[in-house]
Amino acid sequence: SDGGNPFSNLVLDSSGAPYGTTAGGIGCGNGTIFMLTPPATMGSPWTESVIYRFSGGHDGGHPRGPLSISGSGTLYGTAFAGGTDTLYQGNGVIFQLTPGTTWTETVLHTFTGGADGSYPNGLLIPDGNGSYYGTTLAGGSAGYGIVFNVVP
């Protein structure tokens, strides 16, 4: 139930806790976002917490790229698929996860597969002015993907 197929690197928050993505897994086949909490005693096991499970519908599915993290602890990333209300369809999304008592997902952009691209797959790179840059594997005017900019 905690996901499977972690494709990407981890990202650390200001306390050093790592966050990552899984692209699928039994019981949560659309992927997850997880957090690891360091042990209180050196050498003891870390604790994993799933902070978000993707439905594969409008919220996205199968995140394959690494996460980006803001100074406030908000996570940003892309999901390779989803973006429609129909499971296992769609061209992917850009999402934001905001910490709180429970983490809240906000879809920042749903890819259409046209000029805006489809199948985002990499890191969202912050530009220092509040926006993020990324790429897609397909779509765009020639069908070979695009470079995009999103402002949360």
C-alpha atoms as a PDB file:
ATOM      1  CA  SER A   1       0.000   0.000   0.000  1.00  0.00           C
ATOM      2  CA  ASP A   2       3.027   2.318   0.117  1.00  0.00           C
ATOM      3  CA  GLY A   3       3.759   2.240  -3.616  1.00  0.00           C
ATOM      4  CA  GLY A   4       6.365   0.690  -5.830  1.00  0.00           C
ATOM      5  CA  ASN A   5       8.783   1.546  -8.600  1.00  0.00           C
ATOM      6  CA  PRO A   6      10.530   4.599  -7.158  1.00  0.00           C
ATOM      7  CA  PHE A   7      12.036   6.107 -10.319  1.00  0.00           C
ATOM      8  CA  SER A   8      13.618   9.317  -9.101  1.00  0.00           C
ATOM      9  CA  ASN A   9      15.912  10.948  -6.594  1.00  0.00           C
ATOM     10  CA  LEU A  10      14.812  12.084  -3.163  1.00  0.00           C
ATOM     11  CA  VAL A  11      14.503  15.716  -2.123  1.00  0.00           C
ATOM     12  CA  LEU A  12      15.274  16.938   1.412  1.00  0.00           C
ATOM     13  CA  ASP A  13      13.258  19.428   3.449  1.00  0.00           C
ATOM     14  CA  SER A  14      14.902  21.989   5.746  1.00  0.00           C
ATOM     15  CA  SER A  15      15.130  19.419   8.578  1.00  0.00           C
ATOM     16  CA  GLY A  16      16.787  16.830   6.323  1.00  0.00           C
ATOM     17  CA  ALA A  17      13.722  14.580   5.950  1.00  0.00           C
ATOM     18  CA  PRO A  18      13.633  12.984   2.475  1.00  0.00           C
ATOM     19  CA  TYR A  19      10.584  12.945   0.173  1.00  0.00           C
ATOM     20  CA  GLY A  20      10.119  10.866  -2.953  1.00  0.00           C
ATOM     21  CA  THR A  21       7.724   9.419  -5.508  1.00  0.00           C
ATOM     22  CA  THR A  22       6.644   5.953  -6.553  1.00  0.00           C
ATOM     23  CA  ALA A  23       5.221   5.395 -10.014  1.00  0.00           C
ATOM     24  CA  GLY A  24       2.904   2.535  -9.062  1.00  0.00           C
ATOM     25  CA  GLY A  25       2.581  -0.431  -6.804  1.00  0.00           C
ATOM     26  CA  ILE A  26       0.114  -3.028  -5.596  1.00  0.00           C
ATOM     27  CA  GLY A  27      -2.751  -1.376  -3.731  1.00  0.00           C
ATOM     28  CA  CYS A  28      -1.874   2.052  -5.077  1.00  0.00           C
ATOM     29  CA  GLY A  29      -1.195   1.434  -8.738  1.00  0.00           C
ATOM     30  CA  ASN A  30      -1.239   5.122  -9.661  1.00  0.00           C
ATOM     31  CA  GLY A  31       1.701   6.125  -7.494  1.00  0.00           C
ATOM     32  CA  THR A  32       2.412   7.858  -4.225  1.00  0.00           C
ATOM     33  CA  ILE A  33       4.378  10.636  -2.594  1.00  0.00           C
ATOM     34  CA  PHE A  34       6.189   9.493   0.551  1.00  0.00           C
ATOM     35  CA  MET A  35       8.260  10.963   3.356  1.00  0.00           C
ATOM     36  CA  LEU A  36      10.933   9.292   5.474  1.00  0.00           C
ATOM     37  CA  THR A  37      11.419  10.260   9.109  1.00  0.00           C
ATOM     38  CA  PRO A  38      14.861   9.649  10.605  1.00  0.00           C
ATOM     39  CA  PRO A  39      15.067   7.398  13.658  1.00  0.00           C
ATOM     40  CA  ALA A  40      15.428   8.821  17.156  1.00  0.00           C
ATOM     41  CA  THR A  41      18.317   6.417  17.748  1.00  0.00           C
ATOM     42  CA  MET A  42      21.165   6.090  15.258  1.00  0.00           C
ATOM     43  CA  GLY A  43      21.060   2.747  13.494  1.00  0.00           C
ATOM     44  CA  SER A  44      17.329   2.219  14.057  1.00  0.00           C
ATOM     45  CA  PRO A  45      15.000   1.989  11.054  1.00  0.00           C
ATOM     46  CA  TRP A  46      13.571   5.046   9.351  1.00  0.00           C
ATOM     47  CA  THR A  47       9.783   5.509   9.299  1.00  0.00           C
ATOM     48  CA  GLU A  48       7.991   5.832   5.970  1.00  0.00           C
ATOM     49  CA  SER A  49       4.752   7.816   5.634  1.00  0.00           C
ATOM     50  CA  VAL A  50       2.693   7.986   2.459  1.00  0.00           C
ATOM     51  CA  ILE A  51       1.542  11.599   2.273  1.00  0.00           C
ATOM     52  CA  TYR A  52      -0.411  11.319  -0.988  1.00  0.00           C
ATOM     53  CA  ARG A  53      -1.888   8.528  -3.133  1.00  0.00           C
ATOM     54  CA  PHE A  54      -2.716   9.379  -6.745  1.00  0.00           C
ATOM     55  CA  SER A  55      -6.088   8.237  -8.093  1.00  0.00           C
ATOM     56  CA  GLY A  56      -4.989   8.173 -11.734  1.00  0.00           C
ATOM     57  CA  GLY A  57      -7.863  10.495 -12.626  1.00  0.00           C
ATOM     58  CA  HIS A  58      -7.987  14.295 -12.508  1.00  0.00           C
ATOM     59  CA  ASP A  59      -5.235  14.454  -9.843  1.00  0.00           C
ATOM     60  CA  GLY A  60      -2.729  12.653 -12.047  1.00  0.00           C
ATOM     61  CA  GLY A  61      -0.995   9.312 -11.878  1.00  0.00           C
ATOM     62  CA  HIS A  62       2.391   7.651 -12.121  1.00  0.00           C
ATOM     63  CA  PRO A  63       4.752  10.401 -10.935  1.00  0.00           C
ATOM     64  CA  ARG A  64       8.171   9.504 -12.317  1.00  0.00           C
ATOM     65  CA  GLY A  65      10.193  12.666 -11.837  1.00  0.00           C
ATOM     66  CA  PRO A  66      11.758  13.961  -8.643  1.00  0.00           C
ATOM     67  CA  LEU A  67      10.006  16.517  -6.475  1.00  0.00           C
ATOM     68  CA  SER A  68      10.992  20.147  -5.936  1.00  0.00           C
ATOM     69  CA  ILE A  69      10.488  21.723  -2.518  1.00  0.00           C
ATOM     70  CA  SER A  70       9.953  25.367  -1.601  1.00  0.00           C
ATOM     71  CA  GLY A  71      11.294  27.098   1.496  1.00  0.00           C
ATOM     72  CA  SER A  72       7.858  26.676   3.132  1.00  0.00           C
ATOM     73  CA  GLY A  73       7.917  22.906   2.563  1.00  0.00           C
ATOM     74  CA  THR A  74       5.447  22.866  -0.333  1.00  0.00           C
ATOM     75  CA  LEU A  75       6.223  20.087  -2.803  1.00  0.00           C
ATOM     76  CA  TYR A  76       5.980  20.486  -6.593  1.00  0.00           C
ATOM     77  CA  GLY A  77       6.098  17.760  -9.180  1.00  0.00           C
ATOM     78  CA  THR A  78       4.676  16.166 -12.290  1.00  0.00           C
ATOM     79  CA  ALA A  79       2.595  13.073 -12.870  1.00  0.00           C
ATOM     80  CA  PHE A  80       3.245  11.273 -16.157  1.00  0.00           C
ATOM     81  CA  ALA A  81      -0.415  10.342 -16.723  1.00  0.00           C
ATOM     82  CA  GLY A  82      -3.889  11.300 -15.575  1.00  0.00           C
ATOM     83  CA  GLY A  83      -5.498  14.677 -15.707  1.00  0.00           C
ATOM     84  CA  THR A  84      -8.956  13.534 -16.721  1.00  0.00           C
ATOM     85  CA  ASP A  85     -11.787  12.055 -14.699  1.00  0.00           C
ATOM     86  CA  THR A  86     -11.261   8.731 -16.487  1.00  0.00           C
ATOM     87  CA  LEU A  87      -8.702   6.370 -14.982  1.00  0.00           C
ATOM     88  CA  TYR A  88      -5.554   5.596 -16.957  1.00  0.00           C
ATOM     89  CA  GLN A  89      -6.147   8.336 -19.497  1.00  0.00           C
ATOM     90  CA  GLY A  90      -4.808  11.832 -19.843  1.00  0.00           C
ATOM     91  CA  ASN A  91      -1.521  13.456 -20.672  1.00  0.00           C
ATOM     92  CA  GLY A  92      -0.285  14.212 -17.171  1.00  0.00           C
ATOM     93  CA  VAL A  93      -0.378  17.073 -14.692  1.00  0.00           C
ATOM     94  CA  ILE A  94       1.778  19.496 -12.741  1.00  0.00           C
ATOM     95  CA  PHE A  95       0.862  19.341  -9.062  1.00  0.00           C
ATOM     96  CA  GLN A  96       1.515  21.086  -5.778  1.00  0.00           C
ATOM     97  CA  LEU A  97       1.307  19.392  -2.362  1.00  0.00           C
ATOM     98  CA  THR A  98       0.823  21.753   0.557  1.00  0.00           C
ATOM     99  CA  PRO A  99       1.697  20.542   4.066  1.00  0.00           C
ATOM    100  CA  GLY A 100      -0.807  20.718   6.885  1.00  0.00           C
ATOM    101  CA  THR A 101      -2.592  18.282   9.169  1.00  0.00           C
ATOM    102  CA  THR A 102      -3.051  16.360   5.943  1.00  0.00           C
ATOM    103  CA  TRP A 103      -1.275  17.194   2.691  1.00  0.00           C
ATOM    104  CA  THR A 104      -3.434  18.949   0.084  1.00  0.00           C
ATOM    105  CA  GLU A 105      -2.898  18.415  -3.634  1.00  0.00           C
ATOM    106  CA  THR A 106      -3.606  21.194  -6.116  1.00  0.00           C
ATOM    107  CA  VAL A 107      -3.351  20.548  -9.857  1.00  0.00           C
ATOM    108  CA  LEU A 108      -1.519  23.536 -11.357  1.00  0.00           C
ATOM    109  CA  HIS A 109      -1.821  22.413 -14.988  1.00  0.00           C
ATOM    110  CA  THR A 110      -3.436  19.553 -16.885  1.00  0.00           C
ATOM    111  CA  PHE A 111      -1.638  18.727 -20.138  1.00  0.00           C
ATOM    112  CA  THR A 112      -3.828  18.351 -23.227  1.00  0.00           C
ATOM    113  CA  GLY A 113      -1.331  16.646 -25.531  1.00  0.00           C
ATOM    114  CA  GLY A 114      -1.392  19.547 -27.970  1.00  0.00           C
ATOM    115  CA  ALA A 115       0.808  22.641 -28.008  1.00  0.00           C
ATOM    116  CA  ASP A 116       1.194  22.438 -24.211  1.00  0.00           C
ATOM    117  CA  GLY A 117       2.820  18.988 -24.437  1.00  0.00           C
ATOM    118  CA  SER A 118       2.110  15.651 -22.821  1.00  0.00           C
ATOM    119  CA  TYR A 119       3.748  13.183 -20.434  1.00  0.00           C
ATOM    120  CA  PRO A 120       5.849  15.370 -18.131  1.00  0.00           C
ATOM    121  CA  ASN A 121       8.664  13.285 -16.765  1.00  0.00           C
ATOM    122  CA  GLY A 122      11.402  15.337 -15.154  1.00  0.00           C
ATOM    123  CA  LEU A 123      12.333  17.693 -12.390  1.00  0.00           C
ATOM    124  CA  LEU A 124      10.601  21.051 -11.990  1.00  0.00           C
ATOM    125  CA  ILE A 125      13.421  23.573 -11.701  1.00  0.00           C
ATOM    126  CA  PRO A 126      12.707  26.754  -9.698  1.00  0.00           C
ATOM    127  CA  ASP A 127      13.878  30.010 -11.256  1.00  0.00           C
ATOM    128  CA  GLY A 128      14.192  31.964  -7.990  1.00  0.00           C
ATOM    129  CA  ASN A 129      11.243  34.219  -8.885  1.00  0.00           C
ATOM    130  CA  GLY A 130       8.458  31.804  -7.938  1.00  0.00           C
ATOM    131  CA  SER A 131       8.032  29.901 -11.189  1.00  0.00           C
ATOM    132  CA  TYR A 132       9.195  26.445 -12.272  1.00  0.00           C
ATOM    133  CA  TYR A 133      10.487  25.044 -15.573  1.00  0.00           C
ATOM    134  CA  GLY A 134      10.100  21.493 -16.835  1.00  0.00           C
ATOM    135  CA  THR A 135       9.827  19.319 -19.931  1.00  0.00           C
ATOM    136  CA  THR A 136       7.440  16.834 -21.511  1.00  0.00           C
ATOM    137  CA  LEU A 137       8.254  13.738 -23.542  1.00  0.00           C
ATOM    138  CA  ALA A 138       5.675  14.364 -26.268  1.00  0.00           C
ATOM    139  CA  GLY A 139       3.281  16.954 -27.677  1.00  0.00           C
ATOM    140  CA  GLY A 140       4.164  20.415 -28.878  1.00  0.00           C
ATOM    141  CA  SER A 141       4.191  21.622 -32.463  1.00  0.00           C
ATOM    142  CA  ALA A 142       6.407  18.775 -33.750  1.00  0.00           C
ATOM    143  CA  GLY A 143       5.226  16.117 -31.301  1.00  0.00           C
ATOM    144  CA  TYR A 144       8.618  15.719 -29.616  1.00  0.00           C
ATOM    145  CA  GLY A 145       7.869  17.511 -26.352  1.00  0.00           C
ATOM    146  CA  ILE A 146       8.212  21.000 -24.981  1.00  0.00           C
ATOM    147  CA  VAL A 147       9.874  23.101 -22.293  1.00  0.00           C
ATOM    148  CA  PHE A 148       7.213  24.681 -20.075  1.00  0.00           C
ATOM    149  CA  ASN A 149       7.008  27.289 -17.324  1.00  0.00           C
ATOM    150  CA  VAL A 150       4.426  27.230 -14.544  1.00  0.00           C
ATOM    151  CA  VAL A 151       3.747  29.834 -11.853  1.00  0.00           C
ATOM    152  CA  PRO A 152       2.006  28.327  -8.797  1.00  0.00           C
END
